[in-house]
Amino acid sequence: MRYTVDERHERILELVREHGTLRVTDLAAQLGISTVTARRDVEALSSGGRLDRVRGAVSWPGAPEPARRRTLLGAGARPAPAPAGEGPVIGLVVPQSQHYFGEIIRGVQETVQSAGGRLVIGLSGYVPGQDEVQARRLLEAGVDGLLLTPGWMRDGAEPDAPPLDFGVPTVLLERRAAAGTEAAELDSVCSDHYAGAGLAVRHLMSLGHRDIALLAGVSATGVQVRDGYEAALRAAGIPRPPVEPIELYVGEQGLRRVDEAARALLAAVDGGKVSAAVVLSDTDAILLLQILRGLEPQLQVPTDLALVAYDDDVAVLSDLPLTAVAPPKYEVGEAAVRLLLERLQEAAPGVARTARWHLALLPELRVRQSCGAELKS
């Protein structure tokens, strides 16, 4: 049955009056409308004081707490329990579930579960347009808020950037938005890769190295690491890098690109231009070591080249354990969920809204053998 807006609002009021409190997704199913439409309707009704919003649900003003989260089922049917308790349903859109994002997802999932909520994930695969597709899909599934890692975003200033306002509380995850963009008005939680690169450079300088190269691919992390690396050099009185940053990959990773990077690095060391390097990521650093051992002239780490990896997923598993900068991935996921839960609470009527947060968590330097220091971990 098709309703006018007014008819739909009246029907929503009737259902909520009858049940006390109902999930927005239940209302959508009962009325045969999308979750997005139902959410807009209850926002309009709650703004007018006719209903109260309660974390993904809507309640009749003054309804007792036990009436919450009943399901719309036929007479005599048993109500279905909330999937993971009485907490919110959180949507997470990330480019992939492995590599860098695996530990972030674990932090998100465990924090959502500890809040009695449920996590629903969408994978964009770095495919243009899929961030929005996955976000819309999760909204249709009834999520109360979104954690979003736009696969297209590197520095937040990309031209023709798609909109990020999906009508629910949203927190950017591991992305830094450029000033003056729409994304800059959202909450965000990320690793401070800018400072993390500085940790690597300062450690190498403490060992006497000033000719420090950077090897990195083109990515959101790579943009910040490069900026931090160059800023740390300038802070030490070095106006420019000894060689231009060596690209490990553009788009897809591959051994051919790492081999080219290894040869460029070998030439820089052999020519006396470089004595140390920062490599993003540690997987690439391990591959780099393997290739360097097969080239002529042979280059020994750390005797001929001190090396710091960036990421620390598998750096300690190298046959020569790698000193590495470790972004606080689990803590980023944890902090993002806690911030989003606060925003969901503030969406309730009568709750004051606080200032937006751009939260950056500092990585940790884990010193091992690849930069000439003693093994510590």
Protein backbone atom coordinates (compact mmCIF):
# COMPACT_ATOMS: atom_id res chain seq x y z
CA MET A 1 0.00 0.00 0.00
CA ARG A 2 1.28 3.46 -0.89
CA TYR A 3 0.90 6.25 1.67
CA THR A 4 1.14 9.99 1.40
CA VAL A 5 3.68 11.54 3.76
CA ASP A 6 0.94 12.61 6.18
CA GLU A 7 -0.69 9.17 6.07
CA ARG A 8 2.65 7.53 6.69
CA HIS A 9 3.32 9.76 9.69
CA GLU A 10 -0.10 8.97 11.16
CA ARG A 11 0.47 5.25 10.67
CA ILE A 12 3.86 5.50 12.39
CA LEU A 13 2.26 7.29 15.33
CA GLU A 14 -0.40 4.58 15.60
CA LEU A 15 2.17 1.78 15.62
CA VAL A 16 4.46 3.44 18.15
CA ARG A 17 1.51 4.32 20.41
CA GLU A 18 0.48 0.66 20.33
CA HIS A 19 3.91 -0.87 20.97
CA GLY A 20 5.57 1.81 23.10
CA THR A 21 8.94 1.55 21.34
CA LEU A 22 9.91 0.14 17.94
CA ARG A 23 13.04 -0.14 15.86
CA VAL A 24 13.15 2.02 12.75
CA THR A 25 13.78 -1.11 10.68
CA ASP A 26 10.60 -2.70 12.06
CA LEU A 27 8.60 0.37 11.10
CA ALA A 28 10.03 0.25 7.59
CA ALA A 29 9.10 -3.42 7.22
CA GLN A 30 5.58 -2.87 8.51
CA LEU A 31 4.93 0.06 6.17
CA GLY A 32 6.72 -1.42 3.18
CA ILE A 33 9.13 1.51 2.85
CA SER A 34 12.91 1.85 2.89
CA THR A 35 14.81 2.27 6.13
CA VAL A 36 16.08 5.63 4.89
CA THR A 37 12.49 6.87 4.37
CA ALA A 38 11.42 5.56 7.77
CA ARG A 39 14.40 7.24 9.39
CA ARG A 40 13.50 10.57 7.81
CA ASP A 41 9.90 10.22 8.94
CA VAL A 42 10.79 9.54 12.56
CA GLU A 43 13.33 12.39 12.50
CA ALA A 44 10.55 14.73 11.38
CA LEU A 45 8.16 13.41 14.02
CA SER A 46 10.76 13.54 16.81
CA SER A 47 11.80 17.08 15.81
CA GLY A 48 8.17 18.10 16.29
CA GLY A 49 8.10 16.49 19.74
CA ARG A 50 5.59 13.82 18.74
CA LEU A 51 8.02 10.90 19.22
CA ASP A 52 11.31 10.22 21.03
CA ARG A 53 14.39 8.80 19.27
CA VAL A 54 16.23 6.04 21.16
CA ARG A 55 19.35 4.63 19.40
CA GLY A 56 17.94 3.24 16.19
CA ALA A 57 14.45 3.03 17.62
CA VAL A 58 11.57 5.39 18.22
CA SER A 59 9.33 5.53 21.30
CA TRP A 60 6.11 7.13 22.39
CA PRO A 61 6.86 10.09 24.69
CA GLY A 62 6.93 8.80 28.25
CA ALA A 63 7.01 5.12 27.25
CA PRO A 64 8.65 2.94 29.95
CA GLU A 65 12.12 1.56 29.20
CA PRO A 66 11.06 -2.15 29.10
CA ALA A 67 8.82 -1.39 26.10
CA ARG A 68 11.82 -0.81 23.84
CA ARG A 69 12.87 -2.93 20.86
CA ARG A 70 9.72 -4.98 20.37
CA THR A 71 9.36 -6.51 16.94
CA LEU A 72 6.39 -6.21 14.60
CA LEU A 73 5.15 -9.79 14.31
CA GLY A 74 1.77 -11.35 13.79
CA ALA A 75 -0.55 -12.27 16.65
CA GLY A 76 0.80 -15.14 18.75
CA ALA A 77 4.31 -14.97 17.24
CA ARG A 78 7.32 -14.88 19.53
CA PRO A 79 9.32 -11.62 19.38
CA ALA A 80 12.81 -12.05 17.96
CA PRO A 81 15.64 -11.04 20.28
CA ALA A 82 17.94 -8.19 19.31
CA PRO A 83 20.84 -9.75 17.37
CA ALA A 84 23.53 -8.73 19.86
CA GLY A 85 21.77 -7.33 22.88
CA GLU A 86 20.16 -3.96 23.27
CA GLY A 87 22.96 -1.85 21.82
CA PRO A 88 23.12 -0.08 18.47
CA VAL A 89 23.76 -1.54 15.03
CA ILE A 90 27.00 -0.08 13.65
CA GLY A 91 27.91 -0.07 9.96
CA LEU A 92 31.57 -0.21 8.90
CA VAL A 93 32.66 0.57 5.32
CA VAL A 94 36.32 -0.20 4.59
CA PRO A 95 38.24 -1.00 1.40
CA GLN A 96 39.26 -4.48 2.56
CA SER A 97 39.17 -6.78 5.57
CA GLN A 98 42.82 -7.89 5.53
CA HIS A 99 46.28 -6.34 5.69
CA TYR A 100 46.15 -2.88 7.28
CA PHE A 101 42.45 -3.06 8.17
CA GLY A 102 42.39 -6.46 9.87
CA GLU A 103 43.44 -5.15 13.29
CA ILE A 104 41.23 -2.06 12.95
CA ILE A 105 38.21 -4.27 12.30
CA ARG A 106 39.05 -6.35 15.36
CA GLY A 107 39.13 -3.21 17.49
CA VAL A 108 35.81 -2.07 16.04
CA GLN A 109 34.12 -5.44 16.44
CA GLU A 110 35.18 -6.07 20.03
CA THR A 111 34.20 -2.56 21.13
CA VAL A 112 30.79 -2.82 19.46
CA GLN A 113 30.22 -6.19 21.11
CA SER A 114 31.23 -4.84 24.52
CA ALA A 115 28.53 -2.18 24.09
CA GLY A 116 25.95 -4.88 23.41
CA GLY A 117 25.69 -3.87 19.78
CA ARG A 118 26.10 -5.52 16.41
CA LEU A 119 28.59 -4.77 13.63
CA VAL A 120 27.68 -4.94 9.94
CA ILE A 121 30.48 -4.53 7.38
CA GLY A 122 30.64 -3.37 3.78
CA LEU A 123 33.76 -3.78 1.62
CA SER A 124 34.39 -1.22 -1.11
CA GLY A 125 37.48 -2.83 -2.64
CA TYR A 126 38.86 0.58 -3.67
CA VAL A 127 36.30 0.50 -6.51
CA PRO A 128 35.05 4.00 -7.47
CA GLY A 129 31.51 4.59 -6.21
CA GLN A 130 31.44 1.52 -3.96
CA ASP A 131 31.85 3.53 -0.75
CA GLU A 132 28.44 5.12 -1.31
CA VAL A 133 26.91 1.86 -2.55
CA GLN A 134 28.02 0.00 0.57
CA ALA A 135 26.96 2.82 2.90
CA ARG A 136 23.47 2.89 1.34
CA ARG A 137 23.23 -0.88 1.62
CA LEU A 138 24.07 -0.76 5.32
CA LEU A 139 21.51 2.00 5.86
CA GLU A 140 18.87 -0.18 4.21
CA ALA A 141 19.91 -2.93 6.63
CA GLY A 142 19.06 -0.59 9.50
CA VAL A 143 22.39 0.58 10.90
CA ASP A 144 22.20 3.40 13.42
CA GLY A 145 25.55 4.98 12.55
CA LEU A 146 28.49 4.61 10.17
CA LEU A 147 32.25 4.22 10.43
CA LEU A 148 33.56 5.15 7.01
CA THR A 149 36.94 4.77 5.29
CA PRO A 150 36.54 6.26 1.79
CA GLY A 151 38.70 4.26 -0.59
CA TRP A 152 39.06 7.25 -2.93
CA MET A 153 40.41 9.59 -0.25
CA ARG A 154 44.14 10.20 0.07
CA ASP A 155 44.44 13.73 1.41
CA GLY A 156 40.76 14.74 1.41
CA ALA A 157 41.23 17.36 -1.30
CA GLU A 158 40.41 15.17 -4.28
CA PRO A 159 38.32 16.89 -6.98
CA ASP A 160 34.73 15.71 -7.52
CA ALA A 161 34.70 13.96 -4.15
CA PRO A 162 31.34 12.23 -3.55
CA PRO A 163 29.13 13.39 -0.65
CA LEU A 164 29.61 11.75 2.74
CA ASP A 165 26.39 12.83 4.48
CA PHE A 166 24.20 9.73 4.77
CA GLY A 167 21.73 11.11 7.29
CA VAL A 168 23.11 9.20 10.30
CA PRO A 169 25.99 9.91 12.70
CA THR A 170 29.21 9.19 10.79
CA VAL A 171 32.85 8.96 11.86
CA LEU A 172 35.71 8.89 9.36
CA LEU A 173 38.15 6.09 10.08
CA GLU A 174 41.87 6.35 9.18
CA ARG A 175 41.28 9.31 6.87
CA ARG A 176 42.29 12.96 7.30
CA ALA A 177 40.09 15.45 5.49
CA ALA A 178 41.39 18.65 3.94
CA ALA A 179 40.25 21.97 5.43
CA GLY A 180 37.29 23.47 3.64
CA THR A 181 35.91 20.14 2.43
CA GLU A 182 32.63 18.52 3.48
CA ALA A 183 34.57 15.65 5.05
CA ALA A 184 36.36 18.07 7.38
CA GLU A 185 33.03 18.71 9.12
CA LEU A 186 32.76 15.06 10.19
CA ASP A 187 34.26 13.43 13.25
CA SER A 188 37.39 11.46 12.44
CA VAL A 189 39.75 9.05 14.20
CA CYS A 190 43.05 8.09 12.59
CA SER A 191 46.65 7.11 13.19
CA ASP A 192 48.97 10.11 13.10
CA HIS A 193 51.16 8.85 10.25
CA TYR A 194 52.64 12.33 9.91
CA ALA A 195 54.08 12.03 13.41
CA GLY A 196 54.86 8.33 12.87
CA ALA A 197 57.18 9.16 9.99
CA GLY A 198 58.85 11.70 12.26
CA LEU A 199 59.50 8.96 14.84
CA ALA A 200 61.34 6.91 12.22
CA VAL A 201 63.43 9.84 10.97
CA ARG A 202 64.36 11.04 14.46
CA HIS A 203 65.43 7.54 15.50
CA LEU A 204 67.68 7.15 12.47
CA MET A 205 69.17 10.58 13.11
CA SER A 206 69.86 9.61 16.71
CA LEU A 207 72.05 6.84 15.28
CA GLY A 208 73.99 9.38 13.20
CA HIS A 209 72.15 9.10 9.86
CA ARG A 210 71.22 12.23 7.94
CA ASP A 211 70.95 10.87 4.40
CA ILE A 212 67.62 9.11 4.80
CA ALA A 213 65.55 7.91 1.84
CA LEU A 214 61.82 7.15 1.73
CA LEU A 215 60.27 4.26 -0.19
CA ALA A 216 56.48 4.26 -0.31
CA GLY A 217 53.51 3.59 -2.53
CA VAL A 218 50.66 5.91 -3.45
CA SER A 219 48.03 5.68 -0.69
CA ALA A 220 46.36 7.72 2.03
CA THR A 221 48.98 6.48 4.51
CA GLY A 222 51.74 7.19 2.00
CA VAL A 223 50.67 10.83 1.58
CA GLN A 224 50.89 11.44 5.32
CA VAL A 225 54.13 9.50 5.76
CA ARG A 226 55.81 11.48 2.97
CA ASP A 227 54.68 14.80 4.47
CA GLY A 228 55.89 13.77 7.92
CA TYR A 229 59.20 12.49 6.58
CA GLU A 230 59.95 15.73 4.75
CA ALA A 231 58.86 17.83 7.73
CA ALA A 232 61.14 15.85 10.07
CA LEU A 233 64.09 16.40 7.73
CA ARG A 234 63.42 20.14 7.64
CA ALA A 235 63.16 20.24 11.44
CA ALA A 236 66.66 18.75 11.55
CA GLY A 237 67.99 21.43 9.22
CA ILE A 238 67.89 19.30 6.07
CA PRO A 239 65.97 21.32 3.47
CA ARG A 240 65.31 18.45 1.05
CA PRO A 241 65.63 14.64 0.92
CA PRO A 242 68.94 13.19 -0.36
CA VAL A 243 67.00 11.54 -3.22
CA GLU A 244 63.43 11.87 -4.42
CA PRO A 245 61.06 9.46 -2.63
CA ILE A 246 61.23 6.09 -4.39
CA GLU A 247 57.82 4.75 -5.44
CA LEU A 248 57.17 1.15 -4.48
CA TYR A 249 53.91 0.87 -6.36
CA VAL A 250 51.19 2.88 -8.03
CA GLY A 251 47.85 1.08 -7.82
CA GLU A 252 48.53 -2.66 -7.72
CA GLN A 253 51.55 -3.92 -5.83
CA GLY A 254 54.00 -6.23 -7.59
CA LEU A 255 57.47 -7.69 -7.40
CA ARG A 256 58.55 -5.81 -10.54
CA ARG A 257 57.98 -2.45 -8.87
CA VAL A 258 59.74 -3.55 -5.66
CA ASP A 259 62.65 -4.84 -7.75
CA GLU A 260 62.93 -1.45 -9.49
CA ALA A 261 62.82 0.28 -6.11
CA ALA A 262 65.53 -2.02 -4.73
CA ARG A 263 67.82 -1.20 -7.66
CA ALA A 264 67.21 2.53 -7.24
CA LEU A 265 67.98 2.27 -3.52
CA LEU A 266 71.12 0.23 -4.18
CA ALA A 267 72.36 2.86 -6.64
CA ALA A 268 71.73 5.64 -4.09
CA VAL A 269 73.61 3.78 -1.34
CA ASP A 270 76.45 2.77 -3.68
CA GLY A 271 76.73 6.38 -4.84
CA GLY A 272 77.10 7.64 -1.26
CA LYS A 273 73.79 9.53 -1.30
CA VAL A 274 71.86 7.41 1.22
CA SER A 275 72.78 5.57 4.44
CA ALA A 276 69.29 4.84 5.82
CA ALA A 277 65.76 4.34 4.58
CA VAL A 278 62.15 4.34 5.77
CA VAL A 279 60.02 1.79 3.92
CA LEU A 280 56.21 1.69 3.78
CA SER A 281 55.18 -1.07 4.42
CA ASP A 282 57.03 -3.85 6.33
CA THR A 283 55.80 -6.42 3.80
CA ASP A 284 57.55 -4.39 1.10
CA ALA A 285 60.57 -3.97 3.35
CA ILE A 286 60.93 -7.76 3.66
CA LEU A 287 60.63 -8.16 -0.11
CA LEU A 288 63.16 -5.36 -0.54
CA LEU A 289 65.67 -7.16 1.70
CA GLN A 290 65.26 -10.38 -0.26
CA ILE A 291 65.89 -8.63 -3.58
CA LEU A 292 68.85 -6.60 -2.30
CA ARG A 293 70.63 -9.81 -1.23
CA GLY A 294 70.60 -11.03 -4.80
CA LEU A 295 71.92 -7.85 -6.43
CA GLU A 296 75.49 -6.76 -7.11
CA PRO A 297 77.21 -5.16 -5.35
CA GLN A 298 75.74 -6.84 -2.29
CA LEU A 299 74.17 -4.47 0.22
CA GLN A 300 74.10 -5.50 3.87
CA VAL A 301 71.47 -4.31 6.35
CA PRO A 302 72.21 -2.75 8.79
CA THR A 303 75.96 -2.46 7.98
CA ASP A 304 75.54 -0.62 4.66
CA LEU A 305 71.98 0.56 5.13
CA ALA A 306 69.92 1.18 8.25
CA LEU A 307 66.26 0.42 7.65
CA VAL A 308 62.99 1.26 9.43
CA ALA A 309 59.74 -0.29 8.19
CA TYR A 310 56.35 1.34 8.57
CA ASP A 311 53.28 -0.70 9.60
CA ASP A 312 54.62 -3.54 11.81
CA ASP A 313 52.24 -6.24 10.69
CA VAL A 314 54.99 -8.79 10.03
CA ALA A 315 58.22 -6.82 10.59
CA VAL A 316 59.29 -8.97 13.54
CA LEU A 317 58.93 -12.12 11.40
CA SER A 318 61.69 -11.11 8.98
CA ASP A 319 64.86 -13.23 9.29
CA LEU A 320 66.47 -9.90 10.18
CA PRO A 321 63.84 -8.48 12.56
CA LEU A 322 62.90 -5.03 11.32
CA THR A 323 62.70 -1.89 13.39
CA ALA A 324 59.23 -0.62 12.63
CA VAL A 325 56.71 2.14 13.29
CA ALA A 326 53.48 0.56 14.52
CA PRO A 327 50.24 2.55 14.00
CA PRO A 328 47.75 1.96 16.85
CA LYS A 329 45.24 0.16 14.61
CA TYR A 330 43.21 -1.62 17.29
CA GLU A 331 42.99 1.56 19.35
CA VAL A 332 41.85 3.55 16.30
CA GLY A 333 38.96 1.13 15.79
CA GLU A 334 38.12 1.20 19.49
CA ALA A 335 38.19 5.01 19.73
CA ALA A 336 36.09 5.42 16.57
CA VAL A 337 33.33 3.22 17.98
CA ARG A 338 33.32 5.05 21.31
CA LEU A 339 33.05 8.40 19.54
CA LEU A 340 30.23 7.15 17.32
CA LEU A 341 28.36 5.81 20.38
CA GLU A 342 28.56 9.30 21.90
CA ARG A 343 27.11 10.80 18.73
CA LEU A 344 24.26 8.29 18.78
CA GLN A 345 23.46 9.26 22.36
CA GLU A 346 23.46 12.93 21.39
CA ALA A 347 20.88 12.18 18.68
CA ALA A 348 18.30 11.56 21.41
CA PRO A 349 15.91 14.44 22.17
CA GLY A 350 17.12 16.89 24.81
CA VAL A 351 20.76 15.78 24.71
CA ALA A 352 23.27 18.58 24.05
CA ARG A 353 25.60 18.14 21.11
CA THR A 354 29.31 18.56 21.77
CA ALA A 355 32.08 19.79 19.46
CA ARG A 356 33.27 17.59 16.63
CA TRP A 357 36.50 15.64 17.14
CA HIS A 358 39.48 15.12 14.83
CA LEU A 359 41.36 12.56 16.90
CA ALA A 360 44.87 11.43 15.87
CA LEU A 361 46.56 8.60 17.77
CA LEU A 362 50.37 8.49 17.89
CA PRO A 363 52.14 5.39 16.50
CA GLU A 364 54.87 3.57 18.42
CA LEU A 365 58.47 2.92 17.34
CA ARG A 366 59.55 -0.68 17.96
CA VAL A 367 63.33 -0.96 17.81
CA ARG A 368 64.79 -4.21 16.50
CA GLN A 369 67.92 -5.10 14.47
CA SER A 370 67.56 -3.54 11.02
CA CYS A 371 68.81 -0.11 12.04
CA GLY A 372 71.90 -1.36 13.89
CA ALA A 373 70.44 -1.28 17.39
CA GLU A 374 70.15 -4.22 19.75
CA LEU A 375 67.07 -6.42 19.51
CA LYS A 376 64.54 -5.20 22.09
CA SER A 377 61.30 -6.91 21.09
